[in-house]
Amino acid sequence: MNKKSNKFSPEVRERAVRMVQEHRGEYPSLWAAIESIAAKIGCVPQTLNEWVKRTEIDSGAREGITTSELQRLKELERENKELRKANEILKLASAFFAQAELDRRLKS
């Protein structure tokens, strides 16, 4: 998974999203507002569009998984991956010791 760079501070992101929300009525479409404001803050329109969508999801104005839910999901997936690795190690260790016990019994 790629690590996104955070070129823009949270304050700049919030301000840009707020500008889109405040001025969207002055443009023929949401995309036109996003394009105009993105140029002013120095980001690509797709990035600003993602910020707007994320803000709308987090506020409940749009369907989707909130940022906190996404973060929790990532934590659970990471924990699940670690537990699967631990289970695999335990299975291998169990098989190793079971074989060692069989070998010990056969030699007796």
PDB file of N, CA and C in Angstrom:
ATOM      1  N   MET A   1       0.849  -1.181   0.000  1.00  0.00           N
ATOM      2  CA  MET A   1       0.000   0.000   0.000  1.00  0.00           C
ATOM      3  C   MET A   1       0.891   1.239   0.000  1.00  0.00           C
ATOM      4  N   ASN A   2       0.563   2.207  -0.796  1.00  0.00           N
ATOM      5  CA  ASN A   2       1.349   3.427  -0.892  1.00  0.00           C
ATOM      6  C   ASN A   2       1.052   4.345   0.272  1.00  0.00           C
ATOM      7  N   LYS A   3       2.102   4.974   0.760  1.00  0.00           N
ATOM      8  CA  LYS A   3       1.956   5.963   1.822  1.00  0.00           C
ATOM      9  C   LYS A   3       1.753   7.310   1.156  1.00  0.00           C
ATOM     10  N   LYS A   4       0.631   7.943   1.436  1.00  0.00           N
ATOM     11  CA  LYS A   4       0.349   9.249   0.832  1.00  0.00           C
ATOM     12  C   LYS A   4       1.154  10.318   1.551  1.00  0.00           C
ATOM     13  N   SER A   5       1.705  11.235   0.778  1.00  0.00           N
ATOM     14  CA  SER A   5       2.414  12.347   1.397  1.00  0.00           C
ATOM     15  C   SER A   5       1.381  13.391   1.826  1.00  0.00           C
ATOM     16  N   ASN A   6       1.656  14.035   2.909  1.00  0.00           N
ATOM     17  CA  ASN A   6       0.755  15.061   3.431  1.00  0.00           C
ATOM     18  C   ASN A   6       1.350  16.425   3.133  1.00  0.00           C
ATOM     19  N   LYS A   7       1.274  16.812   1.858  1.00  0.00           N
ATOM     20  CA  LYS A   7       1.819  18.096   1.418  1.00  0.00           C
ATOM     21  C   LYS A   7       1.019  19.245   2.012  1.00  0.00           C
ATOM     22  N   PHE A   8      -0.265  19.019   2.229  1.00  0.00           N
ATOM     23  CA  PHE A   8      -1.144  20.068   2.721  1.00  0.00           C
ATOM     24  C   PHE A   8      -1.522  19.789   4.173  1.00  0.00           C
ATOM     25  N   SER A   9      -1.428  20.814   4.986  1.00  0.00           N
ATOM     26  CA  SER A   9      -1.767  20.660   6.397  1.00  0.00           C
ATOM     27  C   SER A   9      -3.278  20.479   6.554  1.00  0.00           C
ATOM     28  N   PRO A  10      -3.698  19.914   7.677  1.00  0.00           N
ATOM     29  CA  PRO A  10      -5.142  19.766   7.917  1.00  0.00           C
ATOM     30  C   PRO A  10      -5.879  21.100   7.860  1.00  0.00           C
ATOM     31  N   GLU A  11      -5.221  22.175   8.285  1.00  0.00           N
ATOM     32  CA  GLU A  11      -5.852  23.489   8.258  1.00  0.00           C
ATOM     33  C   GLU A  11      -6.130  23.940   6.819  1.00  0.00           C
ATOM     34  N   VAL A  12      -5.166  23.692   5.928  1.00  0.00           N
ATOM     35  CA  VAL A  12      -5.331  24.069   4.521  1.00  0.00           C
ATOM     36  C   VAL A  12      -6.451  23.236   3.906  1.00  0.00           C
ATOM     37  N   ARG A  13      -6.479  21.953   4.230  1.00  0.00           N
ATOM     38  CA  ARG A  13      -7.531  21.078   3.705  1.00  0.00           C
ATOM     39  C   ARG A  13      -8.912  21.554   4.153  1.00  0.00           C
ATOM     40  N   GLU A  14      -9.028  21.830   5.456  1.00  0.00           N
ATOM     41  CA  GLU A  14     -10.316  22.288   5.998  1.00  0.00           C
ATOM     42  C   GLU A  14     -10.748  23.603   5.346  1.00  0.00           C
ATOM     43  N   ARG A  15      -9.802  24.503   5.178  1.00  0.00           N
ATOM     44  CA  ARG A  15     -10.109  25.799   4.575  1.00  0.00           C
ATOM     45  C   ARG A  15     -10.564  25.632   3.123  1.00  0.00           C
ATOM     46  N   ALA A  16      -9.883  24.775   2.385  1.00  0.00           N
ATOM     47  CA  ALA A  16     -10.237  24.547   0.981  1.00  0.00           C
ATOM     48  C   ALA A  16     -11.625  23.940   0.869  1.00  0.00           C
ATOM     49  N   VAL A  17     -11.920  22.968   1.715  1.00  0.00           N
ATOM     50  CA  VAL A  17     -13.245  22.323   1.695  1.00  0.00           C
ATOM     51  C   VAL A  17     -14.315  23.344   2.067  1.00  0.00           C
ATOM     52  N   ARG A  18     -14.018  24.154   3.069  1.00  0.00           N
ATOM     53  CA  ARG A  18     -14.967  25.189   3.493  1.00  0.00           C
ATOM     54  C   ARG A  18     -15.220  26.180   2.360  1.00  0.00           C
ATOM     55  N   MET A  19     -14.162  26.540   1.629  1.00  0.00           N
ATOM     56  CA  MET A  19     -14.318  27.459   0.496  1.00  0.00           C
ATOM     57  C   MET A  19     -15.221  26.845  -0.576  1.00  0.00           C
ATOM     58  N   VAL A  20     -15.031  25.557  -0.849  1.00  0.00           N
ATOM     59  CA  VAL A  20     -15.879  24.885  -1.838  1.00  0.00           C
ATOM     60  C   VAL A  20     -17.330  24.914  -1.377  1.00  0.00           C
ATOM     61  N   GLN A  21     -17.556  24.585  -0.115  1.00  0.00           N
ATOM     62  CA  GLN A  21     -18.923  24.548   0.408  1.00  0.00           C
ATOM     63  C   GLN A  21     -19.567  25.931   0.398  1.00  0.00           C
ATOM     64  N   GLU A  22     -18.796  26.954   0.732  1.00  0.00           N
ATOM     65  CA  GLU A  22     -19.339  28.311   0.790  1.00  0.00           C
ATOM     66  C   GLU A  22     -19.598  28.908  -0.592  1.00  0.00           C
ATOM     67  N   HIS A  23     -18.786  28.524  -1.580  1.00  0.00           N
ATOM     68  CA  HIS A  23     -18.863  29.159  -2.899  1.00  0.00           C
ATOM     69  C   HIS A  23     -19.439  28.257  -3.990  1.00  0.00           C
ATOM     70  N   ARG A  24     -19.921  27.085  -3.646  1.00  0.00           N
ATOM     71  CA  ARG A  24     -20.399  26.165  -4.685  1.00  0.00           C
ATOM     72  C   ARG A  24     -21.597  26.734  -5.437  1.00  0.00           C
ATOM     73  N   GLY A  25     -22.384  27.598  -4.818  1.00  0.00           N
ATOM     74  CA  GLY A  25     -23.524  28.206  -5.490  1.00  0.00           C
ATOM     75  C   GLY A  25     -23.142  29.242  -6.534  1.00  0.00           C
ATOM     76  N   GLU A  26     -21.909  29.717  -6.485  1.00  0.00           N
ATOM     77  CA  GLU A  26     -21.440  30.735  -7.432  1.00  0.00           C
ATOM     78  C   GLU A  26     -20.939  30.123  -8.740  1.00  0.00           C
ATOM     79  N   TYR A  27     -20.907  28.809  -8.811  1.00  0.00           N
ATOM     80  CA  TYR A  27     -20.394  28.114  -9.990  1.00  0.00           C
ATOM     81  C   TYR A  27     -21.500  27.241 -10.584  1.00  0.00           C
ATOM     82  N   PRO A  28     -21.397  26.931 -11.872  1.00  0.00           N
ATOM     83  CA  PRO A  28     -22.444  26.123 -12.509  1.00  0.00           C
ATOM     84  C   PRO A  28     -22.508  24.685 -11.994  1.00  0.00           C
ATOM     85  N   SER A  29     -21.393  24.206 -11.406  1.00  0.00           N
ATOM     86  CA  SER A  29     -21.382  22.845 -10.871  1.00  0.00           C
ATOM     87  C   SER A  29     -20.396  22.756  -9.718  1.00  0.00           C
ATOM     88  N   LEU A  30     -20.512  21.689  -8.963  1.00  0.00           N
ATOM     89  CA  LEU A  30     -19.566  21.448  -7.875  1.00  0.00           C
ATOM     90  C   LEU A  30     -18.159  21.309  -8.438  1.00  0.00           C
ATOM     91  N   TRP A  31     -18.040  20.595  -9.559  1.00  0.00           N
ATOM     92  CA  TRP A  31     -16.719  20.388 -10.145  1.00  0.00           C
ATOM     93  C   TRP A  31     -16.076  21.714 -10.558  1.00  0.00           C
ATOM     94  N   ALA A  32     -16.853  22.632 -11.086  1.00  0.00           N
ATOM     95  CA  ALA A  32     -16.322  23.943 -11.477  1.00  0.00           C
ATOM     96  C   ALA A  32     -15.790  24.682 -10.249  1.00  0.00           C
ATOM     97  N   ALA A  33     -16.506  24.606  -9.148  1.00  0.00           N
ATOM     98  CA  ALA A  33     -16.046  25.234  -7.900  1.00  0.00           C
ATOM     99  C   ALA A  33     -14.752  24.579  -7.425  1.00  0.00           C
ATOM    100  N   ILE A  34     -14.712  23.266  -7.491  1.00  0.00           N
ATOM    101  CA  ILE A  34     -13.514  22.539  -7.060  1.00  0.00           C
ATOM    102  C   ILE A  34     -12.316  22.909  -7.930  1.00  0.00           C
ATOM    103  N   GLU A  35     -12.509  22.956  -9.239  1.00  0.00           N
ATOM    104  CA  GLU A  35     -11.403  23.311 -10.136  1.00  0.00           C
ATOM    105  C   GLU A  35     -10.861  24.705  -9.833  1.00  0.00           C
ATOM    106  N   SER A  36     -11.755  25.637  -9.620  1.00  0.00           N
ATOM    107  CA  SER A  36     -11.346  27.013  -9.361  1.00  0.00           C
ATOM    108  C   SER A  36     -10.571  27.126  -8.045  1.00  0.00           C
ATOM    109  N   ILE A  37     -11.095  26.521  -7.005  1.00  0.00           N
ATOM    110  CA  ILE A  37     -10.465  26.635  -5.680  1.00  0.00           C
ATOM    111  C   ILE A  37      -9.180  25.817  -5.616  1.00  0.00           C
ATOM    112  N   ALA A  38      -9.144  24.663  -6.278  1.00  0.00           N
ATOM    113  CA  ALA A  38      -7.924  23.848  -6.293  1.00  0.00           C
ATOM    114  C   ALA A  38      -6.767  24.631  -6.902  1.00  0.00           C
ATOM    115  N   ALA A  39      -7.045  25.357  -7.957  1.00  0.00           N
ATOM    116  CA  ALA A  39      -5.995  26.160  -8.591  1.00  0.00           C
ATOM    117  C   ALA A  39      -5.472  27.228  -7.632  1.00  0.00           C
ATOM    118  N   LYS A  40      -6.349  27.764  -6.817  1.00  0.00           N
ATOM    119  CA  LYS A  40      -5.946  28.827  -5.878  1.00  0.00           C
ATOM    120  C   LYS A  40      -5.072  28.299  -4.741  1.00  0.00           C
ATOM    121  N   ILE A  41      -5.309  27.058  -4.306  1.00  0.00           N
ATOM    122  CA  ILE A  41      -4.505  26.535  -3.189  1.00  0.00           C
ATOM    123  C   ILE A  41      -3.330  25.696  -3.664  1.00  0.00           C
ATOM    124  N   GLY A  42      -3.272  25.413  -4.973  1.00  0.00           N
ATOM    125  CA  GLY A  42      -2.121  24.696  -5.522  1.00  0.00           C
ATOM    126  C   GLY A  42      -2.205  23.187  -5.458  1.00  0.00           C
ATOM    127  N   CYS A  43      -3.406  22.649  -5.566  1.00  0.00           N
ATOM    128  CA  CYS A  43      -3.542  21.199  -5.624  1.00  0.00           C
ATOM    129  C   CYS A  43      -4.343  20.830  -6.867  1.00  0.00           C
ATOM    130  N   VAL A  44      -4.339  19.566  -7.199  1.00  0.00           N
ATOM    131  CA  VAL A  44      -5.120  19.126  -8.357  1.00  0.00           C
ATOM    132  C   VAL A  44      -6.581  18.986  -7.943  1.00  0.00           C
ATOM    133  N   PRO A  45      -7.507  19.217  -8.862  1.00  0.00           N
ATOM    134  CA  PRO A  45      -8.929  19.151  -8.517  1.00  0.00           C
ATOM    135  C   PRO A  45      -9.364  17.801  -7.936  1.00  0.00           C
ATOM    136  N   GLN A  46      -8.773  16.710  -8.414  1.00  0.00           N
ATOM    137  CA  GLN A  46      -9.148  15.392  -7.897  1.00  0.00           C
ATOM    138  C   GLN A  46      -8.859  15.270  -6.405  1.00  0.00           C
ATOM    139  N   THR A  47      -7.752  15.853  -5.980  1.00  0.00           N
ATOM    140  CA  THR A  47      -7.400  15.821  -4.559  1.00  0.00           C
ATOM    141  C   THR A  47      -8.424  16.588  -3.737  1.00  0.00           C
ATOM    142  N   LEU A  48      -8.745  17.791  -4.165  1.00  0.00           N
ATOM    143  CA  LEU A  48      -9.728  18.596  -3.448  1.00  0.00           C
ATOM    144  C   LEU A  48     -11.089  17.900  -3.452  1.00  0.00           C
ATOM    145  N   ASN A  49     -11.445  17.274  -4.567  1.00  0.00           N
ATOM    146  CA  ASN A  49     -12.705  16.544  -4.646  1.00  0.00           C
ATOM    147  C   ASN A  49     -12.743  15.427  -3.598  1.00  0.00           C
ATOM    148  N   GLU A  50     -11.621  14.719  -3.423  1.00  0.00           N
ATOM    149  CA  GLU A  50     -11.555  13.659  -2.404  1.00  0.00           C
ATOM    150  C   GLU A  50     -11.712  14.243  -1.003  1.00  0.00           C
ATOM    151  N   TRP A  51     -11.113  15.389  -0.752  1.00  0.00           N
ATOM    152  CA  TRP A  51     -11.260  16.032   0.558  1.00  0.00           C
ATOM    153  C   TRP A  51     -12.718  16.403   0.806  1.00  0.00           C
ATOM    154  N   VAL A  52     -13.374  16.937  -0.219  1.00  0.00           N
ATOM    155  CA  VAL A  52     -14.784  17.332  -0.089  1.00  0.00           C
ATOM    156  C   VAL A  52     -15.637  16.100   0.190  1.00  0.00           C
ATOM    157  N   LYS A  53     -15.423  15.031  -0.575  1.00  0.00           N
ATOM    158  CA  LYS A  53     -16.199  13.801  -0.366  1.00  0.00           C
ATOM    159  C   LYS A  53     -15.967  13.240   1.033  1.00  0.00           C
ATOM    160  N   ARG A  54     -14.706  13.222   1.486  1.00  0.00           N
ATOM    161  CA  ARG A  54     -14.374  12.692   2.814  1.00  0.00           C
ATOM    162  C   ARG A  54     -15.077  13.504   3.890  1.00  0.00           C
ATOM    163  N   THR A  55     -15.084  14.832   3.752  1.00  0.00           N
ATOM    164  CA  THR A  55     -15.753  15.697   4.720  1.00  0.00           C
ATOM    165  C   THR A  55     -17.251  15.432   4.730  1.00  0.00           C
ATOM    166  N   GLU A  56     -17.852  15.263   3.553  1.00  0.00           N
ATOM    167  CA  GLU A  56     -19.289  14.985   3.471  1.00  0.00           C
ATOM    168  C   GLU A  56     -19.630  13.637   4.090  1.00  0.00           C
ATOM    169  N   ILE A  57     -18.780  12.639   3.882  1.00  0.00           N
ATOM    170  CA  ILE A  57     -19.007  11.320   4.489  1.00  0.00           C
ATOM    171  C   ILE A  57     -18.895  11.415   5.999  1.00  0.00           C
ATOM    172  N   ASP A  58     -17.848  12.082   6.483  1.00  0.00           N
ATOM    173  CA  ASP A  58     -17.640  12.193   7.929  1.00  0.00           C
ATOM    174  C   ASP A  58     -18.760  12.972   8.614  1.00  0.00           C
ATOM    175  N   SER A  59     -19.363  13.922   7.893  1.00  0.00           N
ATOM    176  CA  SER A  59     -20.447  14.720   8.493  1.00  0.00           C
ATOM    177  C   SER A  59     -21.808  14.051   8.345  1.00  0.00           C
ATOM    178  N   GLY A  60     -21.865  12.958   7.569  1.00  0.00           N
ATOM    179  CA  GLY A  60     -23.124  12.248   7.389  1.00  0.00           C
ATOM    180  C   GLY A  60     -23.946  12.746   6.211  1.00  0.00           C
ATOM    181  N   ALA A  61     -23.429  13.700   5.453  1.00  0.00           N
ATOM    182  CA  ALA A  61     -24.154  14.239   4.310  1.00  0.00           C
ATOM    183  C   ALA A  61     -24.076  13.316   3.096  1.00  0.00           C
ATOM    184  N   ARG A  62     -23.153  12.364   3.129  1.00  0.00           N
ATOM    185  CA  ARG A  62     -22.955  11.438   2.009  1.00  0.00           C
ATOM    186  C   ARG A  62     -22.765  10.041   2.589  1.00  0.00           C
ATOM    187  N   GLU A  63     -23.263   9.050   1.857  1.00  0.00           N
ATOM    188  CA  GLU A  63     -23.097   7.658   2.276  1.00  0.00           C
ATOM    189  C   GLU A  63     -21.634   7.252   2.165  1.00  0.00           C
ATOM    190  N   GLY A  64     -21.202   6.400   3.077  1.00  0.00           N
ATOM    191  CA  GLY A  64     -19.843   5.878   3.003  1.00  0.00           C
ATOM    192  C   GLY A  64     -19.294   5.570   4.376  1.00  0.00           C
ATOM    193  N   ILE A  65     -18.090   5.053   4.383  1.00  0.00           N
ATOM    194  CA  ILE A  65     -17.418   4.694   5.628  1.00  0.00           C
ATOM    195  C   ILE A  65     -16.642   5.912   6.120  1.00  0.00           C
ATOM    196  N   THR A  66     -16.885   6.303   7.370  1.00  0.00           N
ATOM    197  CA  THR A  66     -16.226   7.477   7.919  1.00  0.00           C
ATOM    198  C   THR A  66     -14.738   7.230   8.131  1.00  0.00           C
ATOM    199  N   THR A  67     -14.004   8.303   8.325  1.00  0.00           N
ATOM    200  CA  THR A  67     -12.564   8.218   8.541  1.00  0.00           C
ATOM    201  C   THR A  67     -12.251   7.374   9.766  1.00  0.00           C
ATOM    202  N   SER A  68     -12.993   7.554  10.854  1.00  0.00           N
ATOM    203  CA  SER A  68     -12.733   6.772  12.063  1.00  0.00           C
ATOM    204  C   SER A  68     -13.035   5.295  11.832  1.00  0.00           C
ATOM    205  N   GLU A  69     -14.082   4.998  11.060  1.00  0.00           N
ATOM    206  CA  GLU A  69     -14.387   3.601  10.747  1.00  0.00           C
ATOM    207  C   GLU A  69     -13.301   2.991   9.864  1.00  0.00           C
ATOM    208  N   LEU A  70     -12.796   3.776   8.897  1.00  0.00           N
ATOM    209  CA  LEU A  70     -11.706   3.292   8.046  1.00  0.00           C
ATOM    210  C   LEU A  70     -10.459   2.994   8.862  1.00  0.00           C
ATOM    211  N   GLN A  71     -10.159   3.877   9.803  1.00  0.00           N
ATOM    212  CA  GLN A  71      -8.985   3.690  10.654  1.00  0.00           C
ATOM    213  C   GLN A  71      -9.152   2.429  11.498  1.00  0.00           C
ATOM    214  N   ARG A  72     -10.323   2.235  12.074  1.00  0.00           N
ATOM    215  CA  ARG A  72     -10.588   1.045  12.887  1.00  0.00           C
ATOM    216  C   ARG A  72     -10.495  -0.219  12.032  1.00  0.00           C
ATOM    217  N   LEU A  73     -11.021  -0.160  10.808  1.00  0.00           N
ATOM    218  CA  LEU A  73     -10.951  -1.297   9.894  1.00  0.00           C
ATOM    219  C   LEU A  73      -9.495  -1.658   9.588  1.00  0.00           C
ATOM    220  N   LYS A  74      -8.658  -0.651   9.342  1.00  0.00           N
ATOM    221  CA  LYS A  74      -7.246  -0.903   9.075  1.00  0.00           C
ATOM    222  C   LYS A  74      -6.564  -1.537  10.281  1.00  0.00           C
ATOM    223  N   GLU A  75      -6.895  -1.053  11.485  1.00  0.00           N
ATOM    224  CA  GLU A  75      -6.323  -1.628  12.702  1.00  0.00           C
ATOM    225  C   GLU A  75      -6.728  -3.088  12.857  1.00  0.00           C
ATOM    226  N   LEU A  76      -8.002  -3.378  12.603  1.00  0.00           N
ATOM    227  CA  LEU A  76      -8.483  -4.758  12.712  1.00  0.00           C
ATOM    228  C   LEU A  76      -7.838  -5.661  11.668  1.00  0.00           C
ATOM    229  N   GLU A  77      -7.673  -5.154  10.446  1.00  0.00           N
ATOM    230  CA  GLU A  77      -7.013  -5.943   9.406  1.00  0.00           C
ATOM    231  C   GLU A  77      -5.558  -6.229   9.773  1.00  0.00           C
ATOM    232  N   ARG A  78      -4.870  -5.233  10.326  1.00  0.00           N
ATOM    233  CA  ARG A  78      -3.481  -5.418  10.751  1.00  0.00           C
ATOM    234  C   ARG A  78      -3.411  -6.458  11.881  1.00  0.00           C
ATOM    235  N   GLU A  79      -4.317  -6.343  12.846  1.00  0.00           N
ATOM    236  CA  GLU A  79      -4.353  -7.300  13.955  1.00  0.00           C
ATOM    237  C   GLU A  79      -4.663  -8.709  13.445  1.00  0.00           C
ATOM    238  N   ASN A  80      -5.600  -8.821  12.512  1.00  0.00           N
ATOM    239  CA  ASN A  80      -5.965 -10.104  11.931  1.00  0.00           C
ATOM    240  C   ASN A  80      -4.754 -10.741  11.239  1.00  0.00           C
ATOM    241  N   LYS A  81      -4.004  -9.934  10.501  1.00  0.00           N
ATOM    242  CA  LYS A  81      -2.815 -10.422   9.805  1.00  0.00           C
ATOM    243  C   LYS A  81      -1.787 -10.944  10.811  1.00  0.00           C
ATOM    244  N   GLU A  82      -1.570 -10.206  11.892  1.00  0.00           N
ATOM    245  CA  GLU A  82      -0.618 -10.626  12.924  1.00  0.00           C
ATOM    246  C   GLU A  82      -1.070 -11.927  13.584  1.00  0.00           C
ATOM    247  N   LEU A  83      -2.370 -12.045  13.843  1.00  0.00           N
ATOM    248  CA  LEU A  83      -2.886 -13.264  14.468  1.00  0.00           C
ATOM    249  C   LEU A  83      -2.758 -14.468  13.535  1.00  0.00           C
ATOM    250  N   ARG A  84      -2.982 -14.259  12.251  1.00  0.00           N
ATOM    251  CA  ARG A  84      -2.804 -15.354  11.285  1.00  0.00           C
ATOM    252  C   ARG A  84      -1.346 -15.825  11.261  1.00  0.00           C
ATOM    253  N   LYS A  85      -0.416 -14.865  11.302  1.00  0.00           N
ATOM    254  CA  LYS A  85       1.002 -15.230  11.335  1.00  0.00           C
ATOM    255  C   LYS A  85       1.328 -16.007  12.607  1.00  0.00           C
ATOM    256  N   ALA A  86       0.810 -15.531  13.734  1.00  0.00           N
ATOM    257  CA  ALA A  86       1.061 -16.216  15.004  1.00  0.00           C
ATOM    258  C   ALA A  86       0.482 -17.628  14.979  1.00  0.00           C
ATOM    259  N   ASN A  87      -0.719 -17.793  14.429  1.00  0.00           N
ATOM    260  CA  ASN A  87      -1.328 -19.116  14.326  1.00  0.00           C
ATOM    261  C   ASN A  87      -0.488 -20.037  13.454  1.00  0.00           C
ATOM    262  N   GLU A  88       0.036 -19.528  12.352  1.00  0.00           N
ATOM    263  CA  GLU A  88       0.867 -20.336  11.466  1.00  0.00           C
ATOM    264  C   GLU A  88       2.131 -20.784  12.181  1.00  0.00           C
ATOM    265  N   ILE A  89       2.741 -19.885  12.923  1.00  0.00           N
ATOM    266  CA  ILE A  89       3.946 -20.230  13.693  1.00  0.00           C
ATOM    267  C   ILE A  89       3.611 -21.301  14.722  1.00  0.00           C
ATOM    268  N   LEU A  90       2.488 -21.152  15.417  1.00  0.00           N
ATOM    269  CA  LEU A  90       2.087 -22.139  16.420  1.00  0.00           C
ATOM    270  C   LEU A  90       1.790 -23.499  15.791  1.00  0.00           C
ATOM    271  N   LYS A  91       1.179 -23.507  14.617  1.00  0.00           N
ATOM    272  CA  LYS A  91       0.919 -24.774  13.921  1.00  0.00           C
ATOM    273  C   LYS A  91       2.231 -25.475  13.567  1.00  0.00           C
ATOM    274  N   LEU A  92       3.176 -24.711  13.034  1.00  0.00           N
ATOM    275  CA  LEU A  92       4.465 -25.288  12.667  1.00  0.00           C
ATOM    276  C   LEU A  92       5.208 -25.810  13.897  1.00  0.00           C
ATOM    277  N   ALA A  93       5.164 -25.039  14.978  1.00  0.00           N
ATOM    278  CA  ALA A  93       5.829 -25.466  16.209  1.00  0.00           C
ATOM    279  C   ALA A  93       5.164 -26.721  16.771  1.00  0.00           C
ATOM    280  N   SER A  94       3.859 -26.765  16.734  1.00  0.00           N
ATOM    281  CA  SER A  94       3.125 -27.931  17.225  1.00  0.00           C
ATOM    282  C   SER A  94       3.489 -29.173  16.416  1.00  0.00           C
ATOM    283  N   ALA A  95       3.534 -29.032  15.095  1.00  0.00           N
ATOM    284  CA  ALA A  95       3.899 -30.165  14.235  1.00  0.00           C
ATOM    285  C   ALA A  95       5.337 -30.606  14.517  1.00  0.00           C
ATOM    286  N   PHE A  96       6.219 -29.648  14.711  1.00  0.00           N
ATOM    287  CA  PHE A  96       7.615 -29.973  15.003  1.00  0.00           C
ATOM    288  C   PHE A  96       7.736 -30.773  16.297  1.00  0.00           C
ATOM    289  N   PHE A  97       7.084 -30.297  17.349  1.00  0.00           N
ATOM    290  CA  PHE A  97       7.179 -30.989  18.636  1.00  0.00           C
ATOM    291  C   PHE A  97       6.450 -32.325  18.626  1.00  0.00           C
ATOM    292  N   ALA A  98       5.370 -32.428  17.872  1.00  0.00           N
ATOM    293  CA  ALA A  98       4.668 -33.708  17.749  1.00  0.00           C
ATOM    294  C   ALA A  98       5.568 -34.720  17.049  1.00  0.00           C
ATOM    295  N   GLN A  99       6.262 -34.301  16.007  1.00  0.00           N
ATOM    296  CA  GLN A  99       7.182 -35.192  15.304  1.00  0.00           C
ATOM    297  C   GLN A  99       8.341 -35.584  16.209  1.00  0.00           C
ATOM    298  N   ALA A 100       8.849 -34.637  16.977  1.00  0.00           N
ATOM    299  CA  ALA A 100       9.943 -34.930  17.897  1.00  0.00           C
ATOM    300  C   ALA A 100       9.495 -35.952  18.945  1.00  0.00           C
ATOM    301  N   GLU A 101       8.276 -35.837  19.419  1.00  0.00           N
ATOM    302  CA  GLU A 101       7.754 -36.801  20.409  1.00  0.00           C
ATOM    303  C   GLU A 101       7.632 -38.189  19.784  1.00  0.00           C
ATOM    304  N   LEU A 102       7.147 -38.246  18.528  1.00  0.00           N
ATOM    305  CA  LEU A 102       7.039 -39.541  17.844  1.00  0.00           C
ATOM    306  C   LEU A 102       8.425 -40.166  17.659  1.00  0.00           C
ATOM    307  N   ASP A 103       9.393 -39.374  17.248  1.00  0.00           N
ATOM    308  CA  ASP A 103      10.747 -39.872  17.075  1.00  0.00           C
ATOM    309  C   ASP A 103      11.315 -40.386  18.399  1.00  0.00           C
ATOM    310  N   ARG A 104      11.054 -39.685  19.482  1.00  0.00           N
ATOM    311  CA  ARG A 104      11.549 -40.096  20.813  1.00  0.00           C
ATOM    312  C   ARG A 104      10.921 -41.422  21.204  1.00  0.00           C
ATOM    313  N   ARG A 105       9.619 -41.593  20.963  1.00  0.00           N
ATOM    314  CA  ARG A 105       8.933 -42.827  21.316  1.00  0.00           C
ATOM    315  C   ARG A 105       9.429 -43.997  20.478  1.00  0.00           C
ATOM    316  N   LEU A 106       9.710 -43.768  19.204  1.00  0.00           N
ATOM    317  CA  LEU A 106      10.172 -44.838  18.332  1.00  0.00           C
ATOM    318  C   LEU A 106      11.587 -45.304  18.728  1.00  0.00           C
ATOM    319  N   LYS A 107      12.398 -44.400  19.230  1.00  0.00           N
ATOM    320  CA  LYS A 107      13.758 -44.755  19.631  1.00  0.00           C
ATOM    321  C   LYS A 107      13.777 -45.485  20.973  1.00  0.00           C
ATOM    322  N   SER A 108      12.723 -45.375  21.753  1.00  0.00           N
ATOM    323  CA  SER A 108      12.688 -46.016  23.087  1.00  0.00           C
ATOM    324  C   SER A 108      12.423 -47.491  22.997  1.00  0.00           C
TER     325      SER A 108
END
